[in-house]
Amino acid sequence: QVQLVESGGGLVQAGGSLRLSCAASGPIFSYNSVGWFRQAPGKERVFVAAILWSGSNTNYGDSVKGRFTISRDKAKNTVDLQMNSLKPEDTAVYYCACNNGFNGFNYLPSTPAAFRSWGQGTQVTVSS
């Protein structure tokens, strides 16, 4: 069973940076993907970024391209999200998720329904 634990959220001023980390455990294979989603109060869960567990490919939501970077730390078994140039509209609970089925060797989904395992989330608040 895949387990995911997020950390690194907090309060930051607009223009600042935060680094989120998702500690993953359980059976995850190179063809699986791990993604970050976010959900603001009263809004749907939105795709932020995803990476193949092998680290060979990444995908980003349009609103974060050029500001956020997703990466895999193989030594720590984490997937990290470096967030720069933060804006108040980035305020949300950020969730880590794993697509731990088999859908091909280069499958990077961006819809919540494609991800089976989820963490509890970490709050990110960006003040103006």
N, C-alpha and C. Protein backbone atom coordinates (compact mmCIF):
# COMPACT_ATOMS: atom_id res chain seq x y z
N GLN A 1 0.85 -1.19 0.00
CA GLN A 1 0.00 0.00 0.00
C GLN A 1 0.88 1.24 0.00
N VAL A 2 0.61 2.14 -0.94
CA VAL A 2 1.39 3.37 -1.04
C VAL A 2 0.91 4.37 0.02
N GLN A 3 1.87 4.97 0.72
CA GLN A 3 1.55 6.00 1.70
C GLN A 3 2.33 7.27 1.36
N LEU A 4 1.66 8.40 1.49
CA LEU A 4 2.24 9.68 1.13
C LEU A 4 2.04 10.67 2.28
N VAL A 5 3.11 11.39 2.62
CA VAL A 5 3.04 12.37 3.69
C VAL A 5 3.67 13.66 3.20
N GLU A 6 2.86 14.73 3.19
CA GLU A 6 3.34 16.03 2.73
C GLU A 6 3.91 16.84 3.90
N SER A 7 4.86 17.72 3.57
CA SER A 7 5.40 18.65 4.56
C SER A 7 5.90 19.89 3.84
N GLY A 8 6.13 20.95 4.61
CA GLY A 8 6.75 22.15 4.05
C GLY A 8 5.82 23.31 3.80
N GLY A 9 4.53 23.14 4.07
CA GLY A 9 3.62 24.26 3.88
C GLY A 9 3.84 25.35 4.91
N GLY A 10 3.17 26.48 4.69
CA GLY A 10 3.29 27.58 5.64
C GLY A 10 2.78 28.87 5.06
N LEU A 11 3.13 29.95 5.73
CA LEU A 11 2.72 31.30 5.34
C LEU A 11 3.91 32.03 4.74
N VAL A 12 3.70 32.64 3.58
CA VAL A 12 4.78 33.36 2.91
C VAL A 12 4.19 34.59 2.23
N GLN A 13 5.00 35.62 2.08
CA GLN A 13 4.55 36.82 1.39
C GLN A 13 4.61 36.62 -0.12
N ALA A 14 3.80 37.37 -0.82
CA ALA A 14 3.81 37.32 -2.28
C ALA A 14 5.21 37.61 -2.80
N GLY A 15 5.62 36.83 -3.80
CA GLY A 15 6.96 36.94 -4.34
C GLY A 15 7.97 36.02 -3.68
N GLY A 16 7.58 35.41 -2.58
CA GLY A 16 8.47 34.52 -1.86
C GLY A 16 8.47 33.11 -2.40
N SER A 17 9.16 32.22 -1.68
CA SER A 17 9.32 30.84 -2.11
C SER A 17 9.01 29.89 -0.96
N LEU A 18 8.57 28.70 -1.33
CA LEU A 18 8.38 27.59 -0.40
C LEU A 18 8.76 26.31 -1.11
N ARG A 19 9.17 25.32 -0.33
CA ARG A 19 9.48 24.00 -0.89
C ARG A 19 8.66 22.96 -0.17
N LEU A 20 7.81 22.28 -0.91
CA LEU A 20 7.01 21.20 -0.35
C LEU A 20 7.70 19.87 -0.62
N SER A 21 7.49 18.94 0.30
CA SER A 21 8.07 17.61 0.14
C SER A 21 7.01 16.56 0.37
N CYS A 22 7.04 15.51 -0.44
CA CYS A 22 6.12 14.39 -0.31
C CYS A 22 6.95 13.13 -0.07
N ALA A 23 6.87 12.61 1.15
CA ALA A 23 7.58 11.38 1.48
C ALA A 23 6.72 10.19 1.08
N ALA A 24 7.27 9.33 0.24
CA ALA A 24 6.50 8.22 -0.30
C ALA A 24 7.05 6.89 0.19
N SER A 25 6.15 5.97 0.47
CA SER A 25 6.56 4.62 0.85
C SER A 25 5.59 3.63 0.24
N GLY A 26 6.06 2.37 0.11
CA GLY A 26 5.22 1.35 -0.48
C GLY A 26 5.66 1.02 -1.89
N PRO A 27 4.89 0.18 -2.58
CA PRO A 27 5.26 -0.30 -3.92
C PRO A 27 5.02 0.75 -5.01
N ILE A 28 6.05 1.50 -5.34
CA ILE A 28 5.99 2.48 -6.42
C ILE A 28 7.05 2.10 -7.44
N PHE A 29 6.66 2.06 -8.71
CA PHE A 29 7.55 1.60 -9.76
C PHE A 29 7.90 2.73 -10.71
N SER A 30 8.93 2.51 -11.52
CA SER A 30 9.47 3.58 -12.36
C SER A 30 8.42 4.15 -13.31
N TYR A 31 7.42 3.35 -13.69
CA TYR A 31 6.39 3.82 -14.63
C TYR A 31 5.23 4.52 -13.93
N ASN A 32 5.23 4.53 -12.59
CA ASN A 32 4.20 5.26 -11.86
C ASN A 32 4.53 6.75 -11.83
N SER A 33 3.53 7.56 -11.58
CA SER A 33 3.75 8.99 -11.48
C SER A 33 3.28 9.49 -10.12
N VAL A 34 3.93 10.54 -9.66
CA VAL A 34 3.55 11.23 -8.43
C VAL A 34 3.25 12.67 -8.78
N GLY A 35 2.13 13.16 -8.31
CA GLY A 35 1.73 14.50 -8.68
C GLY A 35 1.36 15.35 -7.49
N TRP A 36 1.31 16.65 -7.75
CA TRP A 36 0.85 17.61 -6.75
C TRP A 36 -0.42 18.26 -7.29
N PHE A 37 -1.41 18.37 -6.43
CA PHE A 37 -2.65 19.06 -6.73
C PHE A 37 -2.88 20.09 -5.63
N ARG A 38 -3.76 21.04 -5.90
CA ARG A 38 -4.11 22.01 -4.87
C ARG A 38 -5.61 22.28 -4.91
N GLN A 39 -6.11 22.64 -3.74
CA GLN A 39 -7.53 22.91 -3.62
C GLN A 39 -7.76 24.10 -2.70
N ALA A 40 -8.34 25.16 -3.26
CA ALA A 40 -8.70 26.34 -2.49
C ALA A 40 -10.12 26.15 -1.96
N PRO A 41 -10.47 26.86 -0.89
CA PRO A 41 -11.81 26.72 -0.30
C PRO A 41 -12.91 26.97 -1.33
N GLY A 42 -13.84 26.04 -1.42
CA GLY A 42 -14.97 26.19 -2.32
C GLY A 42 -14.67 25.93 -3.78
N LYS A 43 -13.45 25.47 -4.07
CA LYS A 43 -13.07 25.24 -5.47
C LYS A 43 -12.67 23.78 -5.67
N GLU A 44 -12.60 23.39 -6.94
CA GLU A 44 -12.22 22.02 -7.27
C GLU A 44 -10.71 21.82 -7.08
N ARG A 45 -10.33 20.53 -6.95
CA ARG A 45 -8.92 20.20 -6.87
C ARG A 45 -8.29 20.36 -8.26
N VAL A 46 -7.16 21.07 -8.29
CA VAL A 46 -6.54 21.46 -9.55
C VAL A 46 -5.13 20.86 -9.66
N PHE A 47 -4.79 20.41 -10.85
CA PHE A 47 -3.48 19.85 -11.12
C PHE A 47 -2.39 20.93 -11.05
N VAL A 48 -1.28 20.59 -10.39
CA VAL A 48 -0.15 21.51 -10.29
C VAL A 48 1.04 20.97 -11.10
N ALA A 49 1.47 19.76 -10.80
CA ALA A 49 2.63 19.18 -11.48
C ALA A 49 2.67 17.68 -11.21
N ALA A 50 3.38 16.97 -12.08
CA ALA A 50 3.56 15.53 -11.89
C ALA A 50 4.91 15.12 -12.45
N ILE A 51 5.42 14.01 -11.93
CA ILE A 51 6.72 13.49 -12.36
C ILE A 51 6.65 11.98 -12.37
N LEU A 52 7.30 11.36 -13.36
CA LEU A 52 7.43 9.92 -13.34
C LEU A 52 8.35 9.52 -12.18
N TRP A 53 8.06 8.41 -11.55
CA TRP A 53 8.87 7.96 -10.42
C TRP A 53 10.32 7.78 -10.84
N SER A 54 10.54 7.46 -12.12
CA SER A 54 11.91 7.35 -12.63
C SER A 54 12.60 8.70 -12.72
N GLY A 55 11.82 9.78 -12.68
CA GLY A 55 12.36 11.12 -12.79
C GLY A 55 12.60 11.57 -14.22
N SER A 56 12.21 10.76 -15.18
CA SER A 56 12.57 11.01 -16.57
C SER A 56 11.64 12.00 -17.28
N ASN A 57 10.49 12.29 -16.70
CA ASN A 57 9.55 13.19 -17.39
C ASN A 57 8.69 13.93 -16.38
N THR A 58 8.33 15.17 -16.72
CA THR A 58 7.52 16.00 -15.84
C THR A 58 6.41 16.69 -16.64
N ASN A 59 5.41 17.17 -15.92
CA ASN A 59 4.30 17.89 -16.53
C ASN A 59 3.83 18.95 -15.54
N TYR A 60 3.39 20.11 -16.06
CA TYR A 60 2.99 21.21 -15.19
C TYR A 60 1.65 21.78 -15.61
N GLY A 61 0.91 22.28 -14.63
CA GLY A 61 -0.29 23.03 -14.92
C GLY A 61 0.09 24.40 -15.49
N ASP A 62 -0.77 24.97 -16.32
CA ASP A 62 -0.44 26.23 -16.99
C ASP A 62 -0.18 27.37 -16.00
N SER A 63 -0.89 27.38 -14.89
CA SER A 63 -0.77 28.50 -13.96
C SER A 63 0.54 28.51 -13.17
N VAL A 64 1.29 27.42 -13.21
CA VAL A 64 2.53 27.36 -12.42
C VAL A 64 3.78 27.20 -13.28
N LYS A 65 3.60 27.05 -14.59
CA LYS A 65 4.76 26.87 -15.47
C LYS A 65 5.72 28.05 -15.35
N GLY A 66 7.01 27.75 -15.21
CA GLY A 66 8.02 28.78 -15.08
C GLY A 66 8.24 29.27 -13.66
N ARG A 67 7.34 28.89 -12.73
CA ARG A 67 7.49 29.31 -11.33
C ARG A 67 7.72 28.11 -10.40
N PHE A 68 7.12 26.99 -10.70
CA PHE A 68 7.24 25.80 -9.86
C PHE A 68 8.10 24.76 -10.55
N THR A 69 8.82 23.98 -9.75
CA THR A 69 9.63 22.88 -10.27
C THR A 69 9.41 21.64 -9.43
N ILE A 70 9.06 20.54 -10.10
CA ILE A 70 8.88 19.27 -9.40
C ILE A 70 10.12 18.42 -9.62
N SER A 71 10.54 17.69 -8.59
CA SER A 71 11.74 16.86 -8.71
C SER A 71 11.62 15.65 -7.80
N ARG A 72 12.43 14.66 -8.08
CA ARG A 72 12.45 13.41 -7.30
C ARG A 72 13.79 13.30 -6.61
N ASP A 73 13.78 13.12 -5.31
CA ASP A 73 14.99 12.88 -4.54
C ASP A 73 15.05 11.38 -4.25
N LYS A 74 15.88 10.66 -5.01
CA LYS A 74 15.91 9.21 -4.89
C LYS A 74 16.52 8.76 -3.56
N ALA A 75 17.42 9.53 -3.02
CA ALA A 75 18.05 9.15 -1.75
C ALA A 75 17.05 9.24 -0.59
N LYS A 76 16.19 10.26 -0.64
CA LYS A 76 15.23 10.46 0.44
C LYS A 76 13.87 9.84 0.13
N ASN A 77 13.68 9.37 -1.08
CA ASN A 77 12.40 8.82 -1.53
C ASN A 77 11.28 9.84 -1.42
N THR A 78 11.58 11.05 -1.87
CA THR A 78 10.58 12.11 -1.83
C THR A 78 10.37 12.70 -3.22
N VAL A 79 9.23 13.34 -3.38
CA VAL A 79 8.96 14.17 -4.55
C VAL A 79 8.75 15.59 -4.03
N ASP A 80 9.57 16.50 -4.48
CA ASP A 80 9.57 17.86 -3.96
C ASP A 80 8.97 18.83 -4.96
N LEU A 81 8.39 19.89 -4.43
CA LEU A 81 7.82 20.93 -5.27
C LEU A 81 8.41 22.27 -4.82
N GLN A 82 9.31 22.80 -5.62
CA GLN A 82 9.89 24.11 -5.35
C GLN A 82 8.98 25.17 -5.96
N MET A 83 8.49 26.06 -5.11
CA MET A 83 7.54 27.08 -5.55
C MET A 83 8.17 28.45 -5.39
N ASN A 84 8.37 29.13 -6.50
CA ASN A 84 8.96 30.47 -6.50
C ASN A 84 7.96 31.49 -7.01
N SER A 85 8.26 32.75 -6.76
CA SER A 85 7.39 33.85 -7.23
C SER A 85 5.94 33.60 -6.86
N LEU A 86 5.71 33.26 -5.61
CA LEU A 86 4.37 32.89 -5.18
C LEU A 86 3.42 34.07 -5.22
N LYS A 87 2.16 33.76 -5.54
CA LYS A 87 1.11 34.77 -5.65
C LYS A 87 -0.01 34.43 -4.66
N PRO A 88 -0.80 35.41 -4.27
CA PRO A 88 -1.93 35.11 -3.37
C PRO A 88 -2.86 34.03 -3.93
N GLU A 89 -3.00 33.96 -5.23
CA GLU A 89 -3.88 32.95 -5.83
C GLU A 89 -3.30 31.55 -5.75
N ASP A 90 -2.06 31.40 -5.28
CA ASP A 90 -1.49 30.08 -5.05
C ASP A 90 -1.93 29.51 -3.69
N THR A 91 -2.61 30.32 -2.90
CA THR A 91 -3.09 29.87 -1.60
C THR A 91 -4.06 28.71 -1.75
N ALA A 92 -3.76 27.60 -1.06
CA ALA A 92 -4.58 26.40 -1.16
C ALA A 92 -4.00 25.33 -0.25
N VAL A 93 -4.74 24.25 -0.09
CA VAL A 93 -4.17 23.04 0.48
C VAL A 93 -3.55 22.25 -0.66
N TYR A 94 -2.29 21.87 -0.50
CA TYR A 94 -1.57 21.14 -1.53
C TYR A 94 -1.51 19.66 -1.16
N TYR A 95 -1.89 18.82 -2.13
CA TYR A 95 -1.94 17.38 -1.92
C TYR A 95 -0.95 16.68 -2.83
N CYS A 96 -0.33 15.66 -2.30
CA CYS A 96 0.52 14.77 -3.06
C CYS A 96 -0.29 13.52 -3.40
N ALA A 97 -0.11 12.99 -4.60
CA ALA A 97 -0.88 11.83 -5.03
C ALA A 97 -0.03 10.93 -5.90
N CYS A 98 -0.37 9.65 -5.90
CA CYS A 98 0.38 8.67 -6.68
C CYS A 98 -0.54 7.91 -7.61
N ASN A 99 -0.16 7.84 -8.87
CA ASN A 99 -0.84 7.01 -9.85
C ASN A 99 -0.17 5.66 -9.82
N ASN A 100 -0.60 4.79 -8.90
CA ASN A 100 0.11 3.54 -8.70
C ASN A 100 -0.54 2.36 -9.37
N GLY A 101 -0.98 2.57 -10.63
CA GLY A 101 -1.42 1.47 -11.46
C GLY A 101 -0.47 1.38 -12.64
N PHE A 102 -0.83 0.60 -13.66
CA PHE A 102 -0.01 0.55 -14.87
C PHE A 102 -0.84 1.04 -16.04
N ASN A 103 -0.38 2.15 -16.66
CA ASN A 103 -1.06 2.71 -17.83
C ASN A 103 -0.07 3.01 -18.96
N GLY A 104 1.06 2.30 -18.95
CA GLY A 104 2.09 2.57 -19.92
C GLY A 104 3.33 3.11 -19.23
N PHE A 105 4.42 3.16 -19.95
CA PHE A 105 5.71 3.51 -19.34
C PHE A 105 6.00 5.00 -19.33
N ASN A 106 5.17 5.81 -19.93
CA ASN A 106 5.41 7.26 -19.94
C ASN A 106 4.11 8.01 -19.69
N TYR A 107 3.30 7.47 -18.76
CA TYR A 107 1.97 8.00 -18.50
C TYR A 107 2.04 9.05 -17.39
N LEU A 108 1.71 10.30 -17.74
CA LEU A 108 1.72 11.40 -16.78
C LEU A 108 0.33 12.03 -16.77
N PRO A 109 -0.58 11.51 -15.98
CA PRO A 109 -1.93 12.08 -15.94
C PRO A 109 -1.97 13.41 -15.21
N SER A 110 -3.05 14.14 -15.43
CA SER A 110 -3.21 15.44 -14.77
C SER A 110 -4.61 15.61 -14.17
N THR A 111 -5.37 14.53 -14.12
CA THR A 111 -6.69 14.59 -13.52
C THR A 111 -6.69 13.84 -12.19
N PRO A 112 -7.38 14.37 -11.18
CA PRO A 112 -7.40 13.71 -9.87
C PRO A 112 -7.86 12.25 -9.93
N ALA A 113 -8.79 11.96 -10.83
CA ALA A 113 -9.34 10.61 -10.90
C ALA A 113 -8.30 9.56 -11.28
N ALA A 114 -7.21 9.99 -11.89
CA ALA A 114 -6.18 9.05 -12.33
C ALA A 114 -5.24 8.63 -11.21
N PHE A 115 -5.33 9.29 -10.08
CA PHE A 115 -4.42 9.03 -8.96
C PHE A 115 -5.16 8.29 -7.86
N ARG A 116 -4.58 7.15 -7.42
CA ARG A 116 -5.26 6.28 -6.48
C ARG A 116 -4.95 6.59 -5.02
N SER A 117 -3.72 7.01 -4.74
CA SER A 117 -3.30 7.23 -3.35
C SER A 117 -3.06 8.72 -3.13
N TRP A 118 -3.49 9.18 -1.96
CA TRP A 118 -3.40 10.60 -1.65
C TRP A 118 -2.85 10.81 -0.24
N GLY A 119 -2.12 11.93 -0.09
CA GLY A 119 -1.70 12.35 1.23
C GLY A 119 -2.79 13.19 1.89
N GLN A 120 -2.49 13.65 3.10
CA GLN A 120 -3.47 14.41 3.87
C GLN A 120 -3.49 15.89 3.51
N GLY A 121 -2.46 16.38 2.85
CA GLY A 121 -2.41 17.77 2.42
C GLY A 121 -1.63 18.65 3.36
N THR A 122 -1.13 19.75 2.82
CA THR A 122 -0.41 20.76 3.61
C THR A 122 -0.85 22.14 3.14
N GLN A 123 -1.09 23.03 4.09
CA GLN A 123 -1.63 24.35 3.77
C GLN A 123 -0.52 25.29 3.32
N VAL A 124 -0.77 25.98 2.22
CA VAL A 124 0.11 27.05 1.74
C VAL A 124 -0.72 28.33 1.68
N THR A 125 -0.24 29.35 2.36
CA THR A 125 -0.93 30.64 2.38
C THR A 125 0.03 31.72 1.92
N VAL A 126 -0.37 32.45 0.89
CA VAL A 126 0.46 33.52 0.34
C VAL A 126 -0.25 34.85 0.61
N SER A 127 0.38 35.70 1.38
CA SER A 127 -0.21 36.98 1.72
C SER A 127 0.22 38.05 0.73
N SER A 128 -0.67 39.00 0.52
CA SER A 128 -0.39 40.08 -0.47
C SER A 128 0.29 41.26 0.20
